[in-house]
Amino acid sequence: MFDDPYLIGQYYAAPYMFFDRDTCFIAEENSIPSGYVVCAVDTLKFKQWMAKEWLPSLALRYTGVTKAPKTKLESLMRGRICGSISDNESQTPHYADYPAHLHIDLLPSLQGKGQGKALIEALFSSLKGKTSGVHLLVNLDNERAVGFYQKVGFTVLQEFIFGYIMGRKV
């Protein structure tokens, strides 16, 4: 989907390791990283840090790239990285009871084997005493993910045309 295989990870995964590595966990299969959960305990502080510390240097890599994006999604990601985070920040609802947010991803070979649940449990164990709750965004069409989140205790906080904001208390 992307000419640059690092593009998505540089935005949705790597910054979390630099912001708060205590809330980042990796699942392995045969000693190969095959899934992760990353979390920012304070979404607003994370977005401010990302705008100031992470995105400017990352934008240097993508500003002036002349090769046309391979897909519409790649174009969107380049724009998000090179654009102002403040535009994105103003569109992100704030959930006072769920100030943390997470991203989780597993390769298909680990899905349905309890690894996602194990990652969520490890994360929530690390979050005790650090935050009151966690929220995430899930695509409306991703019924399997919605079912997984409900199974591990998340509920729908808000519904949009494209998906749900789901949350879970710590």
Protein backbone atom coordinates (compact mmCIF):
# COMPACT_ATOMS: atom_id res chain seq x y z
CA MET A 1 0.00 0.00 0.00
CA PHE A 2 2.98 2.32 0.53
CA ASP A 3 6.28 2.93 -1.21
CA ASP A 4 7.76 3.73 2.20
CA PRO A 5 7.18 0.77 4.53
CA TYR A 6 7.95 2.95 7.58
CA LEU A 7 5.37 5.65 6.90
CA ILE A 8 2.49 4.29 9.00
CA GLY A 9 4.71 3.12 11.87
CA GLN A 10 6.45 6.48 12.10
CA TYR A 11 3.11 8.10 12.83
CA TYR A 12 1.04 5.48 14.64
CA ALA A 13 3.57 3.41 16.59
CA ALA A 14 7.13 4.72 16.96
CA PRO A 15 6.36 8.06 18.64
CA TYR A 16 4.74 6.27 21.56
CA MET A 17 8.00 4.48 22.37
CA PHE A 18 9.71 7.85 22.68
CA PHE A 19 6.89 9.51 24.60
CA ASP A 20 6.13 6.79 27.18
CA ARG A 21 7.77 3.40 26.65
CA ASP A 22 6.17 2.02 29.84
CA THR A 23 2.85 1.79 28.02
CA CYS A 24 4.12 0.00 24.92
CA PHE A 25 4.08 -3.79 24.54
CA ILE A 26 5.09 -6.13 21.73
CA ALA A 27 3.77 -9.59 20.88
CA GLU A 28 6.20 -12.00 19.22
CA GLU A 29 5.79 -15.10 17.14
CA ASN A 30 8.92 -17.25 16.78
CA SER A 31 10.97 -14.36 18.22
CA ILE A 32 9.68 -12.01 15.51
CA PRO A 33 7.66 -8.91 16.50
CA SER A 34 4.17 -9.60 15.18
CA GLY A 35 1.93 -7.24 17.10
CA TYR A 36 1.89 -4.34 19.51
CA VAL A 37 -0.16 -2.10 21.72
CA VAL A 38 0.98 1.47 22.32
CA CYS A 39 -0.67 4.04 24.54
CA ALA A 40 -0.36 7.69 25.50
CA VAL A 41 -1.52 8.21 29.08
CA ASP A 42 -2.44 11.86 28.36
CA THR A 43 -3.68 12.35 24.79
CA LEU A 44 -3.53 16.14 24.89
CA LYS A 45 0.08 16.21 26.16
CA PHE A 46 1.03 13.55 23.62
CA LYS A 47 -0.41 15.58 20.73
CA GLN A 48 1.44 18.70 21.93
CA TRP A 49 4.69 16.73 22.25
CA MET A 50 4.19 15.12 18.84
CA ALA A 51 3.60 18.51 17.17
CA LYS A 52 6.67 20.05 18.79
CA GLU A 53 9.16 17.18 19.00
CA TRP A 54 8.25 14.37 16.61
CA LEU A 55 6.57 15.68 13.48
CA PRO A 56 8.97 18.50 12.52
CA SER A 57 11.91 16.14 11.98
CA LEU A 58 9.67 13.53 10.37
CA ALA A 59 8.19 16.14 8.04
CA LEU A 60 11.69 16.89 6.73
CA ARG A 61 11.80 13.35 5.37
CA TYR A 62 8.55 13.75 3.41
CA THR A 63 8.56 17.43 2.44
CA GLY A 64 9.58 17.76 -1.15
CA VAL A 65 9.20 14.06 -1.96
CA THR A 66 8.50 14.17 -5.66
CA LYS A 67 7.45 10.58 -6.21
CA ALA A 68 3.67 10.40 -6.45
CA PRO A 69 1.96 8.56 -3.60
CA LYS A 70 1.12 4.95 -4.40
CA THR A 71 -2.37 5.18 -2.90
CA LYS A 72 -4.85 7.74 -1.58
CA LEU A 73 -4.02 6.55 1.95
CA GLU A 74 -0.30 7.18 1.41
CA SER A 75 -1.14 10.70 0.21
CA LEU A 76 -3.26 11.26 3.32
CA MET A 77 -0.47 10.04 5.62
CA ARG A 78 2.16 12.24 3.97
CA GLY A 79 -0.21 15.19 4.34
CA ARG A 80 -0.84 14.40 7.97
CA ILE A 81 2.88 14.20 8.70
CA CYS A 82 3.80 17.33 6.74
CA GLY A 83 0.71 19.29 7.75
CA SER A 84 -0.01 20.94 11.04
CA ILE A 85 -0.87 18.64 13.91
CA SER A 86 -2.98 21.46 15.29
CA ASP A 87 -5.49 20.87 12.49
CA ASN A 88 -5.76 17.24 13.52
CA GLU A 89 -5.75 18.14 17.21
CA SER A 90 -8.76 20.41 16.88
CA GLN A 91 -10.72 17.54 15.33
CA THR A 92 -9.89 15.11 18.12
CA PRO A 93 -12.63 15.08 20.75
CA HIS A 94 -11.44 15.19 24.35
CA TYR A 95 -12.79 12.51 26.65
CA ALA A 96 -12.15 13.71 30.21
CA ASP A 97 -12.96 10.32 31.76
CA TYR A 98 -10.81 8.54 29.15
CA PRO A 99 -7.74 10.80 28.72
CA ALA A 100 -5.44 8.04 27.45
CA HIS A 101 -5.63 6.53 23.97
CA LEU A 102 -4.20 3.42 22.38
CA HIS A 103 -3.36 1.76 19.09
CA ILE A 104 -3.17 -2.01 18.78
CA ASP A 105 -2.23 -4.09 15.79
CA LEU A 106 -1.62 -7.81 15.31
CA LEU A 107 -0.54 -9.68 12.24
CA PRO A 108 -3.21 -12.17 11.08
CA SER A 109 -1.10 -15.10 12.33
CA LEU A 110 -1.61 -13.89 15.94
CA GLN A 111 -5.25 -12.86 15.69
CA GLY A 112 -7.81 -15.02 17.49
CA LYS A 113 -5.17 -16.67 19.69
CA GLY A 114 -5.50 -14.53 22.81
CA GLN A 115 -2.52 -12.31 22.01
CA GLY A 116 -4.61 -9.15 21.65
CA LYS A 117 -6.24 -9.80 25.01
CA ALA A 118 -2.81 -10.42 26.58
CA LEU A 119 -1.53 -7.12 25.20
CA ILE A 120 -4.57 -5.23 26.50
CA GLU A 121 -4.20 -6.86 29.94
CA ALA A 122 -0.49 -5.97 30.09
CA LEU A 123 -1.30 -2.40 29.10
CA PHE A 124 -4.11 -1.97 31.63
CA SER A 125 -1.92 -3.42 34.36
CA SER A 126 0.70 -0.77 33.57
CA LEU A 127 -1.92 2.00 33.56
CA LYS A 128 -3.17 1.50 37.12
CA GLY A 129 -2.76 4.75 39.01
CA LYS A 130 -1.73 6.66 35.87
CA THR A 131 -5.07 7.43 34.21
CA SER A 132 -8.80 7.01 34.69
CA GLY A 133 -9.58 5.51 31.29
CA VAL A 134 -8.53 4.81 27.72
CA HIS A 135 -10.22 5.55 24.42
CA LEU A 136 -9.60 4.43 20.85
CA LEU A 137 -11.02 4.89 17.38
CA VAL A 138 -12.25 1.89 15.40
CA ASN A 139 -13.60 1.77 11.87
CA LEU A 140 -17.32 1.08 11.67
CA ASP A 141 -16.74 -1.63 9.05
CA ASN A 142 -14.23 -3.49 11.21
CA GLU A 143 -16.81 -5.65 12.97
CA ARG A 144 -14.20 -8.14 14.18
CA ALA A 145 -12.24 -5.40 15.95
CA VAL A 146 -15.40 -3.88 17.44
CA GLY A 147 -16.32 -7.32 18.80
CA PHE A 148 -12.82 -7.78 20.21
CA TYR A 149 -12.90 -4.41 21.98
CA GLN A 150 -16.32 -5.16 23.46
CA LYS A 151 -15.06 -8.55 24.64
CA VAL A 152 -12.15 -6.91 26.50
CA GLY A 153 -14.41 -4.35 28.19
CA PHE A 154 -14.63 -1.34 25.86
CA THR A 155 -17.96 0.40 25.25
CA VAL A 156 -19.02 2.87 22.56
CA LEU A 157 -18.58 6.47 23.73
CA GLN A 158 -19.44 8.18 20.46
CA GLU A 159 -20.48 7.11 16.98
CA PHE A 160 -19.40 8.82 13.77
CA ILE A 161 -20.18 8.09 10.12
CA PHE A 162 -16.85 6.30 9.78
CA GLY A 163 -16.57 4.56 13.14
CA TYR A 164 -16.73 4.55 16.90
CA ILE A 165 -14.80 6.07 19.74
CA MET A 166 -14.73 3.32 22.35
CA GLY A 167 -13.55 3.60 25.92
CA ARG A 168 -12.72 1.53 28.96
CA LYS A 169 -12.09 2.60 32.53
CA VAL A 170 -8.79 1.57 34.10
